[in-house]
Every structure is written in C-alpha cells, then in structure tokens.
PDB file of all heavy atoms in Angstrom:
ATOM      1  N   ILE A   1      18.082 -10.259  -4.081  1.00  0.00           N
ATOM      2  CA  ILE A   1      17.740  -8.795  -4.386  1.00  0.00           C
ATOM      3  C   ILE A   1      17.109  -8.783  -5.722  1.00  0.00           C
ATOM      4  O   ILE A   1      16.130  -8.018  -6.084  1.00  0.00           O
ATOM      5  CB  ILE A   1      18.894  -7.924  -4.138  1.00  0.00           C
ATOM      6  CG1 ILE A   1      19.247  -7.735  -2.701  1.00  0.00           C
ATOM      7  CG2 ILE A   1      18.599  -6.549  -4.815  1.00  0.00           C
ATOM      8  CD1 ILE A   1      20.622  -7.103  -2.505  1.00  0.00           C
ATOM      9  N   ALA A   2      17.731  -9.357  -6.701  1.00  0.00           N
ATOM     10  CA  ALA A   2      17.277  -9.346  -8.192  1.00  0.00           C
ATOM     11  C   ALA A   2      15.868  -9.967  -8.252  1.00  0.00           C
ATOM     12  O   ALA A   2      14.980  -9.350  -9.001  1.00  0.00           O
ATOM     13  CB  ALA A   2      18.292 -10.116  -8.906  1.00  0.00           C
ATOM     14  N   LEU A   3      15.536 -10.966  -7.427  1.00  0.00           N
ATOM     15  CA  LEU A   3      14.283 -11.600  -7.518  1.00  0.00           C
ATOM     16  C   LEU A   3      13.235 -10.807  -6.824  1.00  0.00           C
ATOM     17  O   LEU A   3      11.964 -10.885  -7.224  1.00  0.00           O
ATOM     18  CB  LEU A   3      14.424 -13.121  -6.962  1.00  0.00           C
ATOM     19  CG  LEU A   3      15.155 -14.096  -7.727  1.00  0.00           C
ATOM     20  CD1 LEU A   3      15.350 -15.397  -6.896  1.00  0.00           C
ATOM     21  CD2 LEU A   3      14.449 -14.376  -9.088  1.00  0.00           C
ATOM     22  N   THR A   4      13.578 -10.139  -5.726  1.00  0.00           N
ATOM     23  CA  THR A   4      12.490  -9.601  -4.887  1.00  0.00           C
ATOM     24  C   THR A   4      12.322  -8.134  -5.098  1.00  0.00           C
ATOM     25  O   THR A   4      11.275  -7.525  -5.029  1.00  0.00           O
ATOM     26  CB  THR A   4      12.844  -9.741  -3.345  1.00  0.00           C
ATOM     27  OG1 THR A   4      14.120  -9.252  -3.089  1.00  0.00           O
ATOM     28  CG2 THR A   4      12.740 -11.289  -3.032  1.00  0.00           C
ATOM     29  N   LEU A   5      13.492  -7.325  -5.185  1.00  0.00           N
ATOM     30  CA  LEU A   5      13.430  -5.816  -5.440  1.00  0.00           C
ATOM     31  C   LEU A   5      13.731  -5.373  -6.818  1.00  0.00           C
ATOM     32  O   LEU A   5      13.419  -4.310  -7.144  1.00  0.00           O
ATOM     33  CB  LEU A   5      14.414  -5.274  -4.446  1.00  0.00           C
ATOM     34  CG  LEU A   5      14.261  -5.463  -2.900  1.00  0.00           C
ATOM     35  CD1 LEU A   5      15.448  -5.049  -2.125  1.00  0.00           C
ATOM     36  CD2 LEU A   5      12.988  -4.919  -2.510  1.00  0.00           C
ATOM     37  N   GLY A   6      14.409  -6.228  -7.585  1.00  0.00           N
ATOM     38  CA  GLY A   6      14.755  -5.798  -8.967  1.00  0.00           C
ATOM     39  C   GLY A   6      16.152  -5.168  -9.080  1.00  0.00           C
ATOM     40  O   GLY A   6      16.634  -4.737  -8.024  1.00  0.00           O
ATOM     41  N   ARG A   7      16.549  -5.022 -10.284  1.00  0.00           N
ATOM     42  CA  ARG A   7      17.926  -4.401 -10.562  1.00  0.00           C
ATOM     43  C   ARG A   7      17.976  -2.837 -10.457  1.00  0.00           C
ATOM     44  O   ARG A   7      19.041  -2.256 -10.716  1.00  0.00           O
ATOM     45  CB  ARG A   7      18.450  -4.998 -11.863  1.00  0.00           C
ATOM     46  CG  ARG A   7      18.706  -6.519 -11.826  1.00  0.00           C
ATOM     47  CD  ARG A   7      19.542  -6.898 -12.989  1.00  0.00           C
ATOM     48  NE  ARG A   7      19.750  -8.360 -12.953  1.00  0.00           N
ATOM     49  CZ  ARG A   7      20.623  -8.983 -13.692  1.00  0.00           C
ATOM     50  NH1 ARG A   7      21.263  -8.350 -14.589  1.00  0.00           N
ATOM     51  NH2 ARG A   7      20.809 -10.332 -13.665  1.00  0.00           N
ATOM     52  N   GLU A   8      16.834  -2.398 -10.312  1.00  0.00           N
ATOM     53  CA  GLU A   8      16.709  -0.856 -10.323  1.00  0.00           C
ATOM     54  C   GLU A   8      16.868  -0.309  -8.879  1.00  0.00           C
ATOM     55  O   GLU A   8      17.051   0.867  -8.579  1.00  0.00           O
ATOM     56  CB  GLU A   8      15.432  -0.243 -10.849  1.00  0.00           C
ATOM     57  CG  GLU A   8      15.192  -0.699 -12.323  1.00  0.00           C
ATOM     58  CD  GLU A   8      16.399  -0.246 -13.186  1.00  0.00           C
ATOM     59  OE1 GLU A   8      16.791   0.905 -13.048  1.00  0.00           O
ATOM     60  OE2 GLU A   8      16.762  -1.002 -14.033  1.00  0.00           O
ATOM     61  N   HIS A   9      16.822  -1.267  -7.886  1.00  0.00           N
ATOM     62  CA  HIS A   9      16.886  -0.902  -6.485  1.00  0.00           C
ATOM     63  C   HIS A   9      18.182  -0.521  -5.964  1.00  0.00           C
ATOM     64  O   HIS A   9      19.294  -1.002  -6.606  1.00  0.00           O
ATOM     65  CB  HIS A   9      16.260  -1.912  -5.597  1.00  0.00           C
ATOM     66  CG  HIS A   9      15.932  -1.584  -4.167  1.00  0.00           C
ATOM     67  ND1 HIS A   9      16.764  -1.516  -3.079  1.00  0.00           N
ATOM     68  CD2 HIS A   9      14.684  -1.102  -3.719  1.00  0.00           C
ATOM     69  CE1 HIS A   9      16.111  -1.144  -2.038  1.00  0.00           C
ATOM     70  NE2 HIS A   9      14.832  -0.866  -2.357  1.00  0.00           N
ATOM     71  N   VAL A  10      18.245   0.451  -4.958  1.00  0.00           N
ATOM     72  CA  VAL A  10      19.582   0.826  -4.539  1.00  0.00           C
ATOM     73  C   VAL A  10      20.510  -0.252  -4.011  1.00  0.00           C
ATOM     74  O   VAL A  10      21.624  -0.234  -4.053  1.00  0.00           O
ATOM     75  CB  VAL A  10      19.313   2.038  -3.588  1.00  0.00           C
ATOM     76  CG1 VAL A  10      18.750   1.608  -2.255  1.00  0.00           C
ATOM     77  CG2 VAL A  10      20.765   2.685  -3.149  1.00  0.00           C
ATOM     78  N   LEU A  11      19.777  -1.335  -3.313  1.00  0.00           N
ATOM     79  CA  LEU A  11      20.530  -2.414  -2.778  1.00  0.00           C
ATOM     80  C   LEU A  11      21.251  -3.121  -3.916  1.00  0.00           C
ATOM     81  O   LEU A  11      22.401  -3.630  -3.760  1.00  0.00           O
ATOM     82  CB  LEU A  11      19.732  -3.365  -2.050  1.00  0.00           C
ATOM     83  CG  LEU A  11      19.127  -2.742  -0.634  1.00  0.00           C
ATOM     84  CD1 LEU A  11      18.195  -3.737   0.076  1.00  0.00           C
ATOM     85  CD2 LEU A  11      20.305  -2.496   0.271  1.00  0.00           C
ATOM     86  N   TRP A  12      20.604  -3.313  -5.126  1.00  0.00           N
ATOM     87  CA  TRP A  12      21.254  -3.963  -6.195  1.00  0.00           C
ATOM     88  C   TRP A  12      22.551  -3.099  -6.612  1.00  0.00           C
ATOM     89  O   TRP A  12      23.582  -3.641  -6.956  1.00  0.00           O
ATOM     90  CB  TRP A  12      20.318  -4.120  -7.373  1.00  0.00           C
ATOM     91  CG  TRP A  12      21.081  -4.708  -8.617  1.00  0.00           C
ATOM     92  CD1 TRP A  12      21.671  -3.932  -9.564  1.00  0.00           C
ATOM     93  CD2 TRP A  12      21.445  -6.094  -8.815  1.00  0.00           C
ATOM     94  NE1 TRP A  12      22.310  -4.796 -10.507  1.00  0.00           N
ATOM     95  CE2 TRP A  12      22.125  -6.081 -10.136  1.00  0.00           C
ATOM     96  CE3 TRP A  12      21.020  -7.218  -8.224  1.00  0.00           C
ATOM     97  CZ2 TRP A  12      22.589  -7.412 -10.582  1.00  0.00           C
ATOM     98  CZ3 TRP A  12      21.657  -8.452  -8.717  1.00  0.00           C
ATOM     99  CH2 TRP A  12      22.292  -8.447  -9.977  1.00  0.00           C
ATOM    100  N   GLU A  13      22.348  -1.758  -6.739  1.00  0.00           N
ATOM    101  CA  GLU A  13      23.440  -0.905  -7.173  1.00  0.00           C
ATOM    102  C   GLU A  13      24.597  -0.969  -6.084  1.00  0.00           C
ATOM    103  O   GLU A  13      25.809  -1.139  -6.520  1.00  0.00           O
ATOM    104  CB  GLU A  13      22.941   0.516  -7.186  1.00  0.00           C
ATOM    105  CG  GLU A  13      22.053   0.761  -8.301  1.00  0.00           C
ATOM    106  CD  GLU A  13      21.531   2.273  -8.360  1.00  0.00           C
ATOM    107  OE1 GLU A  13      21.715   2.956  -7.245  1.00  0.00           O
ATOM    108  OE2 GLU A  13      21.002   2.634  -9.449  1.00  0.00           O
ATOM    109  N   ILE A  14      24.181  -1.102  -4.836  1.00  0.00           N
ATOM    110  CA  ILE A  14      25.364  -1.141  -3.785  1.00  0.00           C
ATOM    111  C   ILE A  14      26.028  -2.452  -3.986  1.00  0.00           C
ATOM    112  O   ILE A  14      27.271  -2.544  -3.916  1.00  0.00           O
ATOM    113  CB  ILE A  14      24.680  -1.087  -2.409  1.00  0.00           C
ATOM    114  CG1 ILE A  14      24.135   0.332  -2.081  1.00  0.00           C
ATOM    115  CG2 ILE A  14      25.580  -1.481  -1.324  1.00  0.00           C
ATOM    116  CD1 ILE A  14      23.244   0.568  -0.878  1.00  0.00           C
ATOM    117  N   GLY A  15      25.327  -3.615  -4.016  1.00  0.00           N
ATOM    118  CA  GLY A  15      26.027  -4.896  -4.041  1.00  0.00           C
ATOM    119  C   GLY A  15      26.770  -5.061  -5.483  1.00  0.00           C
ATOM    120  O   GLY A  15      27.852  -5.623  -5.353  1.00  0.00           O
ATOM    121  N   ALA A  16      26.348  -4.655  -6.540  1.00  0.00           N
ATOM    122  CA  ALA A  16      27.012  -4.600  -7.726  1.00  0.00           C
ATOM    123  C   ALA A  16      28.286  -3.890  -7.705  1.00  0.00           C
ATOM    124  O   ALA A  16      29.375  -4.327  -8.144  1.00  0.00           O
ATOM    125  CB  ALA A  16      26.248  -4.272  -8.919  1.00  0.00           C
ATOM    126  N   PHE A  17      28.232  -2.706  -7.201  1.00  0.00           N
ATOM    127  CA  PHE A  17      29.333  -1.711  -7.127  1.00  0.00           C
ATOM    128  C   PHE A  17      30.454  -2.294  -6.221  1.00  0.00           C
ATOM    129  O   PHE A  17      31.618  -2.320  -6.731  1.00  0.00           O
ATOM    130  CB  PHE A  17      28.971  -0.332  -6.712  1.00  0.00           C
ATOM    131  CG  PHE A  17      30.134   0.570  -6.580  1.00  0.00           C
ATOM    132  CD1 PHE A  17      30.840   0.990  -7.667  1.00  0.00           C
ATOM    133  CD2 PHE A  17      30.372   1.075  -5.300  1.00  0.00           C
ATOM    134  CE1 PHE A  17      31.932   1.852  -7.510  1.00  0.00           C
ATOM    135  CE2 PHE A  17      31.598   1.959  -5.138  1.00  0.00           C
ATOM    136  CZ  PHE A  17      32.320   2.320  -6.200  1.00  0.00           C
ATOM    137  N   PHE A  18      30.078  -2.724  -5.095  1.00  0.00           N
ATOM    138  CA  PHE A  18      31.144  -3.164  -4.178  1.00  0.00           C
ATOM    139  C   PHE A  18      31.651  -4.504  -4.380  1.00  0.00           C
ATOM    140  O   PHE A  18      32.694  -4.945  -4.063  1.00  0.00           O
ATOM    141  CB  PHE A  18      30.585  -3.071  -2.595  1.00  0.00           C
ATOM    142  CG  PHE A  18      30.546  -1.658  -2.206  1.00  0.00           C
ATOM    143  CD1 PHE A  18      29.391  -0.970  -1.989  1.00  0.00           C
ATOM    144  CD2 PHE A  18      31.730  -0.988  -1.948  1.00  0.00           C
ATOM    145  CE1 PHE A  18      29.392   0.333  -1.504  1.00  0.00           C
ATOM    146  CE2 PHE A  18      31.666   0.333  -1.517  1.00  0.00           C
ATOM    147  CZ  PHE A  18      30.500   0.964  -1.244  1.00  0.00           C
ATOM    148  N   SER A  19      30.859  -5.446  -5.127  1.00  0.00           N
ATOM    149  CA  SER A  19      31.361  -6.580  -5.753  1.00  0.00           C
ATOM    150  C   SER A  19      32.481  -6.328  -6.754  1.00  0.00           C
ATOM    151  O   SER A  19      33.536  -6.998  -6.745  1.00  0.00           O
ATOM    152  CB  SER A  19      30.251  -7.505  -6.307  1.00  0.00           C
ATOM    153  OG  SER A  19      29.302  -7.850  -5.466  1.00  0.00           O
ATOM    154  N   GLN A  20      32.168  -5.319  -7.616  1.00  0.00           N
ATOM    155  CA  GLN A  20      33.296  -4.918  -8.536  1.00  0.00           C
ATOM    156  C   GLN A  20      34.531  -4.498  -7.833  1.00  0.00           C
ATOM    157  O   GLN A  20      35.673  -4.779  -8.245  1.00  0.00           O
ATOM    158  CB  GLN A  20      32.766  -3.883  -9.477  1.00  0.00           C
ATOM    159  CG  GLN A  20      33.818  -3.229 -10.375  1.00  0.00           C
ATOM    160  CD  GLN A  20      33.230  -1.930 -11.005  1.00  0.00           C
ATOM    161  OE1 GLN A  20      32.073  -1.812 -11.331  1.00  0.00           O
ATOM    162  NE2 GLN A  20      34.199  -0.983 -11.203  1.00  0.00           N
ATOM    163  N   LEU A  21      34.270  -3.618  -6.764  1.00  0.00           N
ATOM    164  CA  LEU A  21      35.345  -3.041  -6.054  1.00  0.00           C
ATOM    165  C   LEU A  21      36.222  -4.156  -5.423  1.00  0.00           C
ATOM    166  O   LEU A  21      37.471  -4.100  -5.269  1.00  0.00           O
ATOM    167  CB  LEU A  21      34.834  -2.116  -4.968  1.00  0.00           C
ATOM    168  CG  LEU A  21      35.698  -1.049  -4.534  1.00  0.00           C
ATOM    169  CD1 LEU A  21      35.968   0.036  -5.646  1.00  0.00           C
ATOM    170  CD2 LEU A  21      35.251  -0.237  -3.348  1.00  0.00           C
ATOM    171  N   ALA A  22      35.601  -5.283  -4.998  1.00  0.00           N
ATOM    172  CA  ALA A  22      36.303  -6.305  -4.273  1.00  0.00           C
ATOM    173  C   ALA A  22      37.225  -6.972  -5.188  1.00  0.00           C
ATOM    174  O   ALA A  22      38.271  -7.712  -4.704  1.00  0.00           O
ATOM    175  CB  ALA A  22      35.314  -7.322  -3.702  1.00  0.00           C
ATOM    176  N   ILE A  23      37.030  -7.012  -6.517  1.00  0.00           N
ATOM    177  CA  ILE A  23      37.940  -7.744  -7.369  1.00  0.00           C
ATOM    178  C   ILE A  23      39.154  -6.904  -7.720  1.00  0.00           C
ATOM    179  O   ILE A  23      40.199  -7.517  -8.022  1.00  0.00           O
ATOM    180  CB  ILE A  23      37.017  -8.060  -8.696  1.00  0.00           C
ATOM    181  CG1 ILE A  23      35.905  -8.845  -8.449  1.00  0.00           C
ATOM    182  CG2 ILE A  23      37.971  -8.663  -9.699  1.00  0.00           C
ATOM    183  CD1 ILE A  23      34.997  -9.043  -9.570  1.00  0.00           C
ATOM    184  N   VAL A  24      39.072  -5.620  -7.618  1.00  0.00           N
ATOM    185  CA  VAL A  24      40.197  -4.668  -8.039  1.00  0.00           C
ATOM    186  C   VAL A  24      40.748  -3.951  -6.794  1.00  0.00           C
ATOM    187  O   VAL A  24      41.565  -3.035  -7.045  1.00  0.00           O
ATOM    188  CB  VAL A  24      39.793  -3.652  -9.113  1.00  0.00           C
ATOM    189  CG1 VAL A  24      39.315  -4.395 -10.395  1.00  0.00           C
ATOM    190  CG2 VAL A  24      38.635  -2.825  -8.519  1.00  0.00           C
ATOM    191  N   THR A  25      40.570  -4.475  -5.551  1.00  0.00           N
ATOM    192  CA  THR A  25      41.218  -3.796  -4.407  1.00  0.00           C
ATOM    193  C   THR A  25      42.505  -4.304  -4.160  1.00  0.00           C
ATOM    194  O   THR A  25      42.869  -5.008  -3.154  1.00  0.00           O
ATOM    195  CB  THR A  25      40.147  -4.010  -3.157  1.00  0.00           C
ATOM    196  OG1 THR A  25      38.986  -3.810  -3.533  1.00  0.00           O
ATOM    197  CG2 THR A  25      40.652  -3.129  -2.046  1.00  0.00           C
ATOM    198  N   PHE A  26      43.492  -3.961  -5.015  1.00  0.00           N
ATOM    199  CA  PHE A  26      44.923  -4.259  -4.901  1.00  0.00           C
ATOM    200  C   PHE A  26      45.526  -3.080  -4.229  1.00  0.00           C
ATOM    201  O   PHE A  26      45.081  -1.894  -4.569  1.00  0.00           O
ATOM    202  CB  PHE A  26      45.596  -4.459  -6.192  1.00  0.00           C
ATOM    203  CG  PHE A  26      45.129  -5.727  -6.918  1.00  0.00           C
ATOM    204  CD1 PHE A  26      44.188  -5.775  -7.721  1.00  0.00           C
ATOM    205  CD2 PHE A  26      45.802  -7.013  -6.532  1.00  0.00           C
ATOM    206  CE1 PHE A  26      43.746  -6.959  -8.396  1.00  0.00           C
ATOM    207  CE2 PHE A  26      45.339  -8.142  -7.139  1.00  0.00           C
ATOM    208  CZ  PHE A  26      44.290  -8.169  -8.134  1.00  0.00           C
ATOM    209  N   GLY A  27      46.517  -3.261  -3.285  1.00  0.00           N
ATOM    210  CA  GLY A  27      47.218  -2.238  -2.857  1.00  0.00           C
ATOM    211  C   GLY A  27      46.652  -1.520  -1.485  1.00  0.00           C
ATOM    212  O   GLY A  27      47.067  -0.481  -1.131  1.00  0.00           O
TER     213      GLY A  27
END
C-alpha cells in the first residue's frame, strides 16, 4: 500500500490503526 497508494490513502490508515490495535488487544 505504501508503495502503490501512499500513506495518505484510507487503506494505509486502516492497516496502521488495526495493526496497532492487534498489539494491545488484551482482555
């Protein structure tokens, strides 16, 4: 996504946000 659409695209925002969420999903 970074190489083809760039970091401003909604898909980058989605991937980055849910990657962060995956690290802190305790409980």
